[in-house]
Amino acid sequence: MHFVTAKGILSSQNGMNLYRGCSHGCIYCDSRSRCYHMEHDFEDIEVKENAIETKIRNVWCR
């Protein structure tokens, strides 16, 4: 697991993405696709360390 500072946590469909990756390692998982542009091993979970602050800022700015 590693931490990154994120610019935002909302996806284009307004879903919250607090992390990227998965520790399960299922071989049939679509999320392993290169189209998601993950620059780290899929099993190495990327956690957005400023997710809560980013969400609070987005709520107050609307």
C-alpha atoms as a PDB file:
ATOM      1  CA  MET A   1       0.000   0.000   0.000  1.00  0.00           C
ATOM      2  CA  HIS A   2       1.196   3.486  -0.788  1.00  0.00           C
ATOM      3  CA  PHE A   3      -0.304   6.963  -0.355  1.00  0.00           C
ATOM      4  CA  VAL A   4      -0.769   9.763  -2.885  1.00  0.00           C
ATOM      5  CA  THR A   5      -2.129  13.290  -2.719  1.00  0.00           C
ATOM      6  CA  ALA A   6      -5.178  13.461  -4.983  1.00  0.00           C
ATOM      7  CA  LYS A   7      -6.679  16.376  -6.882  1.00  0.00           C
ATOM      8  CA  GLY A   8     -10.169  14.916  -6.553  1.00  0.00           C
ATOM      9  CA  ILE A   9     -12.018  11.779  -5.546  1.00  0.00           C
ATOM     10  CA  LEU A  10     -15.209  11.926  -7.641  1.00  0.00           C
ATOM     11  CA  SER A  11     -15.429   9.871 -10.826  1.00  0.00           C
ATOM     12  CA  SER A  12     -17.267  11.054 -13.935  1.00  0.00           C
ATOM     13  CA  GLN A  13     -20.426   9.330 -12.620  1.00  0.00           C
ATOM     14  CA  ASN A  14     -20.005  11.023  -9.197  1.00  0.00           C
ATOM     15  CA  GLY A  15     -18.790   7.860  -7.497  1.00  0.00           C
ATOM     16  CA  MET A  16     -16.105   8.243  -4.848  1.00  0.00           C
ATOM     17  CA  ASN A  17     -12.734   6.690  -5.566  1.00  0.00           C
ATOM     18  CA  LEU A  18     -10.811   6.615  -2.288  1.00  0.00           C
ATOM     19  CA  TYR A  19      -8.244   4.104  -3.494  1.00  0.00           C
ATOM     20  CA  ARG A  20      -7.000   2.285  -6.615  1.00  0.00           C
ATOM     21  CA  GLY A  21      -6.014  -1.345  -6.825  1.00  0.00           C
ATOM     22  CA  CYS A  22      -7.086  -4.526  -5.088  1.00  0.00           C
ATOM     23  CA  SER A  23      -5.429  -7.121  -2.898  1.00  0.00           C
ATOM     24  CA  HIS A  24      -7.561 -10.065  -4.067  1.00  0.00           C
ATOM     25  CA  GLY A  25      -5.664 -10.742  -7.313  1.00  0.00           C
ATOM     26  CA  CYS A  26      -8.528 -12.319  -9.306  1.00  0.00           C
ATOM     27  CA  ILE A  27      -7.263 -13.132 -12.817  1.00  0.00           C
ATOM     28  CA  TYR A  28     -10.612 -12.387 -14.490  1.00  0.00           C
ATOM     29  CA  CYS A  29     -10.998  -8.874 -13.028  1.00  0.00           C
ATOM     30  CA  ASP A  30     -11.700  -6.140 -15.615  1.00  0.00           C
ATOM     31  CA  SER A  31     -10.099  -3.516 -13.372  1.00  0.00           C
ATOM     32  CA  ARG A  32      -6.684  -4.921 -14.280  1.00  0.00           C
ATOM     33  CA  SER A  33      -7.134  -3.494 -17.795  1.00  0.00           C
ATOM     34  CA  ARG A  34      -4.477  -1.073 -19.032  1.00  0.00           C
ATOM     35  CA  CYS A  35      -7.227   1.426 -19.901  1.00  0.00           C
ATOM     36  CA  TYR A  36      -7.312   2.487 -16.223  1.00  0.00           C
ATOM     37  CA  HIS A  37      -3.747   3.891 -16.545  1.00  0.00           C
ATOM     38  CA  MET A  38      -2.441   2.521 -13.246  1.00  0.00           C
ATOM     39  CA  GLU A  39       1.274   3.182 -12.963  1.00  0.00           C
ATOM     40  CA  HIS A  40       1.812   0.669 -10.158  1.00  0.00           C
ATOM     41  CA  ASP A  41       1.215  -3.043  -9.596  1.00  0.00           C
ATOM     42  CA  PHE A  42      -2.496  -3.723  -9.270  1.00  0.00           C
ATOM     43  CA  GLU A  43      -2.005  -5.498  -5.922  1.00  0.00           C
ATOM     44  CA  ASP A  44      -0.195  -2.428  -4.530  1.00  0.00           C
ATOM     45  CA  ILE A  45      -3.165  -0.369  -3.351  1.00  0.00           C
ATOM     46  CA  GLU A  46      -2.942   3.385  -3.910  1.00  0.00           C
ATOM     47  CA  VAL A  47      -4.731   5.289  -1.120  1.00  0.00           C
ATOM     48  CA  LYS A  48      -5.715   8.928  -1.574  1.00  0.00           C
ATOM     49  CA  GLU A  49      -4.474  10.351   1.708  1.00  0.00           C
ATOM     50  CA  ASN A  50      -6.340  13.637   1.393  1.00  0.00           C
ATOM     51  CA  ALA A  51      -9.691  12.126   0.338  1.00  0.00           C
ATOM     52  CA  ILE A  52     -11.721  13.444   3.277  1.00  0.00           C
ATOM     53  CA  GLU A  53     -10.341  16.974   3.013  1.00  0.00           C
ATOM     54  CA  THR A  54     -10.916  16.978  -0.752  1.00  0.00           C
ATOM     55  CA  LYS A  55     -14.541  15.871  -0.340  1.00  0.00           C
ATOM     56  CA  ILE A  56     -15.238  18.486   2.341  1.00  0.00           C
ATOM     57  CA  ARG A  57     -13.725  21.199   0.127  1.00  0.00           C
ATOM     58  CA  ASN A  58     -15.877  20.073  -2.849  1.00  0.00           C
ATOM     59  CA  VAL A  59     -19.073  20.142  -0.757  1.00  0.00           C
ATOM     60  CA  TRP A  60     -18.430  23.637   0.593  1.00  0.00           C
ATOM     61  CA  CYS A  61     -17.521  25.039  -2.849  1.00  0.00           C
ATOM     62  CA  ARG A  62     -20.834  24.069  -4.495  1.00  0.00           C
END
